[in-house]
Amino acid sequence: MNDALTPIEIEEVNRIELKVRNINGEGVLFTEDGRMIGHQIAHMGHYYYMGHGPERVKMFRATFRVDTMKSDVP
């Protein structure tokens, strides 16, 4: 099982860095090349903390709207 702070590596998939930017007082996720990640719902992103003491890490959680999704049933 992966820890929340452990990056997941997938072969043949490039890893990118995400940035949280303040847009009119709201945290919004962008890719490292400046592209906004789509379908984010306003007023739903927030910061929270994981861990205790020196291992405490500031995290950001965002919510996304999904209108339709393909079924994952084989």
PDB file of N, CA and C in Angstrom:
ATOM      1  N   MET A   1       0.841  -1.180   0.000  1.00  0.00           N
ATOM      2  CA  MET A   1       0.000   0.000   0.000  1.00  0.00           C
ATOM      3  C   MET A   1       0.885   1.242   0.000  1.00  0.00           C
ATOM      4  N   ASN A   2       0.534   2.225  -0.832  1.00  0.00           N
ATOM      5  CA  ASN A   2       1.328   3.448  -0.932  1.00  0.00           C
ATOM      6  C   ASN A   2       0.967   4.422   0.175  1.00  0.00           C
ATOM      7  N   ASP A   3       1.973   5.015   0.780  1.00  0.00           N
ATOM      8  CA  ASP A   3       1.772   6.082   1.735  1.00  0.00           C
ATOM      9  C   ASP A   3       1.321   7.319   0.961  1.00  0.00           C
ATOM     10  N   ALA A   4       0.557   8.204   1.593  1.00  0.00           N
ATOM     11  CA  ALA A   4       0.044   9.395   0.917  1.00  0.00           C
ATOM     12  C   ALA A   4       1.158  10.277   0.361  1.00  0.00           C
ATOM     13  N   LEU A   5       2.362  10.189   0.926  1.00  0.00           N
ATOM     14  CA  LEU A   5       3.457  11.041   0.477  1.00  0.00           C
ATOM     15  C   LEU A   5       4.400  10.339  -0.486  1.00  0.00           C
ATOM     16  N   THR A   6       4.140   9.064  -0.793  1.00  0.00           N
ATOM     17  CA  THR A   6       5.002   8.302  -1.687  1.00  0.00           C
ATOM     18  C   THR A   6       4.519   8.474  -3.126  1.00  0.00           C
ATOM     19  N   PRO A   7       5.378   8.987  -4.027  1.00  0.00           N
ATOM     20  CA  PRO A   7       4.955   9.139  -5.424  1.00  0.00           C
ATOM     21  C   PRO A   7       4.672   7.780  -6.061  1.00  0.00           C
ATOM     22  N   ILE A   8       3.692   7.749  -6.924  1.00  0.00           N
ATOM     23  CA  ILE A   8       3.362   6.533  -7.665  1.00  0.00           C
ATOM     24  C   ILE A   8       4.038   6.615  -9.017  1.00  0.00           C
ATOM     25  N   GLU A   9       4.808   5.610  -9.353  1.00  0.00           N
ATOM     26  CA  GLU A   9       5.503   5.580 -10.644  1.00  0.00           C
ATOM     27  C   GLU A   9       4.765   4.639 -11.584  1.00  0.00           C
ATOM     28  N   ILE A  10       4.466   5.112 -12.799  1.00  0.00           N
ATOM     29  CA  ILE A  10       3.816   4.300 -13.828  1.00  0.00           C
ATOM     30  C   ILE A  10       4.707   4.349 -15.058  1.00  0.00           C
ATOM     31  N   GLU A  11       5.077   3.181 -15.565  1.00  0.00           N
ATOM     32  CA  GLU A  11       5.962   3.122 -16.730  1.00  0.00           C
ATOM     33  C   GLU A  11       5.353   3.875 -17.902  1.00  0.00           C
ATOM     34  N   GLU A  12       6.190   4.564 -18.655  1.00  0.00           N
ATOM     35  CA  GLU A  12       5.836   5.293 -19.868  1.00  0.00           C
ATOM     36  C   GLU A  12       4.896   6.470 -19.623  1.00  0.00           C
ATOM     37  N   VAL A  13       4.784   6.924 -18.364  1.00  0.00           N
ATOM     38  CA  VAL A  13       3.977   8.097 -18.054  1.00  0.00           C
ATOM     39  C   VAL A  13       4.899   9.128 -17.426  1.00  0.00           C
ATOM     40  N   ASN A  14       4.945  10.312 -18.025  1.00  0.00           N
ATOM     41  CA  ASN A  14       5.787  11.381 -17.496  1.00  0.00           C
ATOM     42  C   ASN A  14       5.177  11.943 -16.231  1.00  0.00           C
ATOM     43  N   ARG A  15       6.018  12.183 -15.243  1.00  0.00           N
ATOM     44  CA  ARG A  15       5.579  12.778 -14.001  1.00  0.00           C
ATOM     45  C   ARG A  15       5.654  14.292 -14.110  1.00  0.00           C
ATOM     46  N   ILE A  16       4.663  14.995 -13.602  1.00  0.00           N
ATOM     47  CA  ILE A  16       4.685  16.453 -13.607  1.00  0.00           C
ATOM     48  C   ILE A  16       4.487  16.949 -12.180  1.00  0.00           C
ATOM     49  N   GLU A  17       4.884  18.171 -11.953  1.00  0.00           N
ATOM     50  CA  GLU A  17       4.705  18.775 -10.641  1.00  0.00           C
ATOM     51  C   GLU A  17       3.444  19.629 -10.672  1.00  0.00           C
ATOM     52  N   LEU A  18       2.685  19.621  -9.567  1.00  0.00           N
ATOM     53  CA  LEU A  18       1.497  20.458  -9.454  1.00  0.00           C
ATOM     54  C   LEU A  18       1.799  21.653  -8.568  1.00  0.00           C
ATOM     55  N   LYS A  19       1.202  22.778  -8.903  1.00  0.00           N
ATOM     56  CA  LYS A  19       1.360  24.003  -8.129  1.00  0.00           C
ATOM     57  C   LYS A  19      -0.020  24.461  -7.677  1.00  0.00           C
ATOM     58  N   VAL A  20      -0.118  24.954  -6.451  1.00  0.00           N
ATOM     59  CA  VAL A  20      -1.356  25.551  -5.966  1.00  0.00           C
ATOM     60  C   VAL A  20      -1.185  27.055  -6.064  1.00  0.00           C
ATOM     61  N   ARG A  21      -2.091  27.702  -6.782  1.00  0.00           N
ATOM     62  CA  ARG A  21      -2.024  29.158  -6.935  1.00  0.00           C
ATOM     63  C   ARG A  21      -3.283  29.784  -6.353  1.00  0.00           C
ATOM     64  N   ASN A  22      -3.140  30.990  -5.835  1.00  0.00           N
ATOM     65  CA  ASN A  22      -4.253  31.719  -5.253  1.00  0.00           C
ATOM     66  C   ASN A  22      -4.924  32.531  -6.350  1.00  0.00           C
ATOM     67  N   ILE A  23      -6.166  32.187  -6.676  1.00  0.00           N
ATOM     68  CA  ILE A  23      -6.948  32.915  -7.669  1.00  0.00           C
ATOM     69  C   ILE A  23      -8.164  33.490  -6.952  1.00  0.00           C
ATOM     70  N   ASN A  24      -8.202  34.792  -6.771  1.00  0.00           N
ATOM     71  CA  ASN A  24      -9.303  35.460  -6.062  1.00  0.00           C
ATOM     72  C   ASN A  24      -9.583  34.820  -4.707  1.00  0.00           C
ATOM     73  N   GLY A  25      -8.540  34.478  -3.977  1.00  0.00           N
ATOM     74  CA  GLY A  25      -8.692  33.920  -2.646  1.00  0.00           C
ATOM     75  C   GLY A  25      -8.956  32.425  -2.606  1.00  0.00           C
ATOM     76  N   GLU A  26      -8.971  31.748  -3.750  1.00  0.00           N
ATOM     77  CA  GLU A  26      -9.219  30.310  -3.810  1.00  0.00           C
ATOM     78  C   GLU A  26      -7.958  29.593  -4.261  1.00  0.00           C
ATOM     79  N   GLY A  27      -7.637  28.459  -3.636  1.00  0.00           N
ATOM     80  CA  GLY A  27      -6.529  27.635  -4.094  1.00  0.00           C
ATOM     81  C   GLY A  27      -6.947  26.883  -5.341  1.00  0.00           C
ATOM     82  N   VAL A  28      -6.151  26.979  -6.399  1.00  0.00           N
ATOM     83  CA  VAL A  28      -6.447  26.322  -7.668  1.00  0.00           C
ATOM     84  C   VAL A  28      -5.213  25.548  -8.111  1.00  0.00           C
ATOM     85  N   LEU A  29      -5.403  24.318  -8.595  1.00  0.00           N
ATOM     86  CA  LEU A  29      -4.284  23.484  -9.032  1.00  0.00           C
ATOM     87  C   LEU A  29      -3.905  23.773 -10.478  1.00  0.00           C
ATOM     88  N   PHE A  30      -2.590  23.905 -10.713  1.00  0.00           N
ATOM     89  CA  PHE A  30      -2.035  24.083 -12.045  1.00  0.00           C
ATOM     90  C   PHE A  30      -0.906  23.075 -12.232  1.00  0.00           C
ATOM     91  N   THR A  31      -0.622  22.714 -13.480  1.00  0.00           N
ATOM     92  CA  THR A  31       0.547  21.899 -13.769  1.00  0.00           C
ATOM     93  C   THR A  31       1.766  22.808 -13.774  1.00  0.00           C
ATOM     94  N   GLU A  32       2.961  22.215 -13.735  1.00  0.00           N
ATOM     95  CA  GLU A  32       4.183  23.007 -13.663  1.00  0.00           C
ATOM     96  C   GLU A  32       4.380  23.916 -14.867  1.00  0.00           C
ATOM     97  N   ASP A  33       3.750  23.598 -16.008  1.00  0.00           N
ATOM     98  CA  ASP A  33       3.890  24.453 -17.189  1.00  0.00           C
ATOM     99  C   ASP A  33       2.800  25.521 -17.257  1.00  0.00           C
ATOM    100  N   GLY A  34       2.022  25.687 -16.169  1.00  0.00           N
ATOM    101  CA  GLY A  34       1.073  26.785 -16.074  1.00  0.00           C
ATOM    102  C   GLY A  34      -0.333  26.470 -16.539  1.00  0.00           C
ATOM    103  N   ARG A  35      -0.640  25.218 -16.851  1.00  0.00           N
ATOM    104  CA  ARG A  35      -1.983  24.866 -17.308  1.00  0.00           C
ATOM    105  C   ARG A  35      -2.877  24.546 -16.110  1.00  0.00           C
ATOM    106  N   MET A  36      -4.060  25.154 -16.092  1.00  0.00           N
ATOM    107  CA  MET A  36      -4.990  24.882 -14.999  1.00  0.00           C
ATOM    108  C   MET A  36      -5.605  23.504 -15.200  1.00  0.00           C
ATOM    109  N   ILE A  37      -5.721  22.741 -14.123  1.00  0.00           N
ATOM    110  CA  ILE A  37      -6.366  21.437 -14.198  1.00  0.00           C
ATOM    111  C   ILE A  37      -7.867  21.683 -14.213  1.00  0.00           C
ATOM    112  N   GLY A  38      -8.555  21.149 -15.204  1.00  0.00           N
ATOM    113  CA  GLY A  38      -9.958  21.451 -15.447  1.00  0.00           C
ATOM    114  C   GLY A  38     -10.928  20.859 -14.446  1.00  0.00           C
ATOM    115  N   HIS A  39     -12.136  21.390 -14.469  1.00  0.00           N
ATOM    116  CA  HIS A  39     -13.283  20.893 -13.711  1.00  0.00           C
ATOM    117  C   HIS A  39     -13.141  21.047 -12.199  1.00  0.00           C
ATOM    118  N   GLN A  40     -12.316  21.971 -11.734  1.00  0.00           N
ATOM    119  CA  GLN A  40     -12.218  22.217 -10.297  1.00  0.00           C
ATOM    120  C   GLN A  40     -13.429  23.027  -9.850  1.00  0.00           C
ATOM    121  N   ILE A  41     -13.968  22.680  -8.708  1.00  0.00           N
ATOM    122  CA  ILE A  41     -15.142  23.362  -8.180  1.00  0.00           C
ATOM    123  C   ILE A  41     -14.679  24.474  -7.247  1.00  0.00           C
ATOM    124  N   ALA A  42     -15.193  25.677  -7.483  1.00  0.00           N
ATOM    125  CA  ALA A  42     -14.810  26.822  -6.648  1.00  0.00           C
ATOM    126  C   ALA A  42     -15.225  26.593  -5.202  1.00  0.00           C
ATOM    127  N   HIS A  43     -14.497  27.156  -4.301  1.00  0.00           N
ATOM    128  CA  HIS A  43     -14.746  27.116  -2.858  1.00  0.00           C
ATOM    129  C   HIS A  43     -14.595  25.710  -2.269  1.00  0.00           C
ATOM    130  N   MET A  44     -13.957  24.778  -2.972  1.00  0.00           N
ATOM    131  CA  MET A  44     -13.857  23.416  -2.454  1.00  0.00           C
ATOM    132  C   MET A  44     -12.418  22.970  -2.230  1.00  0.00           C
ATOM    133  N   GLY A  45     -11.429  23.756  -2.627  1.00  0.00           N
ATOM    134  CA  GLY A  45     -10.044  23.396  -2.343  1.00  0.00           C
ATOM    135  C   GLY A  45      -9.671  23.885  -0.951  1.00  0.00           C
ATOM    136  N   HIS A  46      -8.853  23.120  -0.236  1.00  0.00           N
ATOM    137  CA  HIS A  46      -8.434  23.592   1.073  1.00  0.00           C
ATOM    138  C   HIS A  46      -7.117  22.946   1.487  1.00  0.00           C
ATOM    139  N   TYR A  47      -6.428  23.630   2.387  1.00  0.00           N
ATOM    140  CA  TYR A  47      -5.177  23.128   2.942  1.00  0.00           C
ATOM    141  C   TYR A  47      -5.477  22.316   4.196  1.00  0.00           C
ATOM    142  N   TYR A  48      -4.669  21.305   4.437  1.00  0.00           N
ATOM    143  CA  TYR A  48      -4.764  20.539   5.675  1.00  0.00           C
ATOM    144  C   TYR A  48      -3.387  19.983   5.990  1.00  0.00           C
ATOM    145  N   TYR A  49      -3.215  19.430   7.169  1.00  0.00           N
ATOM    146  CA  TYR A  49      -1.913  18.947   7.608  1.00  0.00           C
ATOM    147  C   TYR A  49      -1.962  17.451   7.884  1.00  0.00           C
ATOM    148  N   MET A  50      -0.875  16.753   7.548  1.00  0.00           N
ATOM    149  CA  MET A  50      -0.731  15.330   7.854  1.00  0.00           C
ATOM    150  C   MET A  50       0.511  15.156   8.710  1.00  0.00           C
ATOM    151  N   GLY A  51       0.422  14.287   9.706  1.00  0.00           N
ATOM    152  CA  GLY A  51       1.567  13.995  10.556  1.00  0.00           C
ATOM    153  C   GLY A  51       1.639  14.906  11.759  1.00  0.00           C
ATOM    154  N   HIS A  52       2.685  14.668  12.558  1.00  0.00           N
ATOM    155  CA  HIS A  52       2.868  15.420  13.787  1.00  0.00           C
ATOM    156  C   HIS A  52       4.331  15.822  13.940  1.00  0.00           C
ATOM    157  N   GLY A  53       4.553  16.874  14.680  1.00  0.00           N
ATOM    158  CA  GLY A  53       5.916  17.311  14.973  1.00  0.00           C
ATOM    159  C   GLY A  53       6.698  17.663  13.718  1.00  0.00           C
ATOM    160  N   PRO A  54       7.982  17.269  13.676  1.00  0.00           N
ATOM    161  CA  PRO A  54       8.823  17.625  12.530  1.00  0.00           C
ATOM    162  C   PRO A  54       8.400  16.942  11.234  1.00  0.00           C
ATOM    163  N   GLU A  55       7.587  15.903  11.316  1.00  0.00           N
ATOM    164  CA  GLU A  55       7.125  15.208  10.108  1.00  0.00           C
ATOM    165  C   GLU A  55       5.797  15.749   9.597  1.00  0.00           C
ATOM    166  N   ARG A  56       5.288  16.801  10.222  1.00  0.00           N
ATOM    167  CA  ARG A  56       4.022  17.397   9.798  1.00  0.00           C
ATOM    168  C   ARG A  56       4.204  18.059   8.439  1.00  0.00           C
ATOM    169  N   VAL A  57       3.303  17.758   7.495  1.00  0.00           N
ATOM    170  CA  VAL A  57       3.410  18.247   6.122  1.00  0.00           C
ATOM    171  C   VAL A  57       2.114  18.960   5.739  1.00  0.00           C
ATOM    172  N   LYS A  58       2.256  20.128   5.117  1.00  0.00           N
ATOM    173  CA  LYS A  58       1.091  20.870   4.633  1.00  0.00           C
ATOM    174  C   LYS A  58       0.652  20.269   3.302  1.00  0.00           C
ATOM    175  N   MET A  59      -0.635  19.940   3.184  1.00  0.00           N
ATOM    176  CA  MET A  59      -1.181  19.314   1.980  1.00  0.00           C
ATOM    177  C   MET A  59      -2.282  20.211   1.409  1.00  0.00           C
ATOM    178  N   PHE A  60      -2.687  19.948   0.167  1.00  0.00           N
ATOM    179  CA  PHE A  60      -3.788  20.676  -0.463  1.00  0.00           C
ATOM    180  C   PHE A  60      -4.723  19.662  -1.081  1.00  0.00           C
ATOM    181  N   ARG A  61      -6.013  19.827  -0.849  1.00  0.00           N
ATOM    182  CA  ARG A  61      -7.010  18.916  -1.417  1.00  0.00           C
ATOM    183  C   ARG A  61      -7.955  19.748  -2.290  1.00  0.00           C
ATOM    184  N   ALA A  62      -8.258  19.242  -3.475  1.00  0.00           N
ATOM    185  CA  ALA A  62      -9.188  19.914  -4.380  1.00  0.00           C
ATOM    186  C   ALA A  62     -10.312  18.960  -4.734  1.00  0.00           C
ATOM    187  N   THR A  63     -11.450  19.525  -5.096  1.00  0.00           N
ATOM    188  CA  THR A  63     -12.599  18.738  -5.523  1.00  0.00           C
ATOM    189  C   THR A  63     -12.842  19.025  -7.003  1.00  0.00           C
ATOM    190  N   PHE A  64     -13.210  17.973  -7.745  1.00  0.00           N
ATOM    191  CA  PHE A  64     -13.422  18.100  -9.181  1.00  0.00           C
ATOM    192  C   PHE A  64     -14.826  17.646  -9.547  1.00  0.00           C
ATOM    193  N   ARG A  65     -15.421  18.293 -10.509  1.00  0.00           N
ATOM    194  CA  ARG A  65     -16.744  17.912 -10.995  1.00  0.00           C
ATOM    195  C   ARG A  65     -16.569  16.872 -12.104  1.00  0.00           C
ATOM    196  N   VAL A  66     -17.309  15.795 -12.006  1.00  0.00           N
ATOM    197  CA  VAL A  66     -17.295  14.759 -13.034  1.00  0.00           C
ATOM    198  C   VAL A  66     -18.730  14.565 -13.507  1.00  0.00           C
ATOM    199  N   ASP A  67     -19.005  14.930 -14.763  1.00  0.00           N
ATOM    200  CA  ASP A  67     -20.361  14.786 -15.300  1.00  0.00           C
ATOM    201  C   ASP A  67     -20.626  13.351 -15.741  1.00  0.00           C
ATOM    202  N   THR A  68     -19.687  12.779 -16.491  1.00  0.00           N
ATOM    203  CA  THR A  68     -19.848  11.406 -16.956  1.00  0.00           C
ATOM    204  C   THR A  68     -18.531  10.686 -16.846  1.00  0.00           C
ATOM    205  N   MET A  69     -18.580   9.414 -16.537  1.00  0.00           N
ATOM    206  CA  MET A  69     -17.383   8.598 -16.451  1.00  0.00           C
ATOM    207  C   MET A  69     -17.659   7.264 -17.127  1.00  0.00           C
ATOM    208  N   LYS A  70     -16.639   6.724 -17.771  1.00  0.00           N
ATOM    209  CA  LYS A  70     -16.761   5.390 -18.328  1.00  0.00           C
ATOM    210  C   LYS A  70     -16.791   4.386 -17.188  1.00  0.00           C
ATOM    211  N   SER A  71     -17.565   3.353 -17.357  1.00  0.00           N
ATOM    212  CA  SER A  71     -17.638   2.313 -16.348  1.00  0.00           C
ATOM    213  C   SER A  71     -16.307   1.580 -16.267  1.00  0.00           C
ATOM    214  N   ASP A  72     -15.872   1.213 -15.058  1.00  0.00           N
ATOM    215  CA  ASP A  72     -14.639   0.448 -14.908  1.00  0.00           C
ATOM    216  C   ASP A  72     -14.920  -1.041 -14.782  1.00  0.00           C
ATOM    217  N   VAL A  73     -16.175  -1.444 -15.020  1.00  0.00           N
ATOM    218  CA  VAL A  73     -16.536  -2.854 -14.974  1.00  0.00           C
ATOM    219  C   VAL A  73     -16.045  -3.508 -16.251  1.00  0.00           C
ATOM    220  N   PRO A  74     -15.315  -4.642 -16.125  1.00  0.00           N
ATOM    221  CA  PRO A  74     -14.779  -5.299 -17.350  1.00  0.00           C
ATOM    222  C   PRO A  74     -15.874  -5.814 -18.261  1.00  0.00           C
TER     223      PRO A  74
END
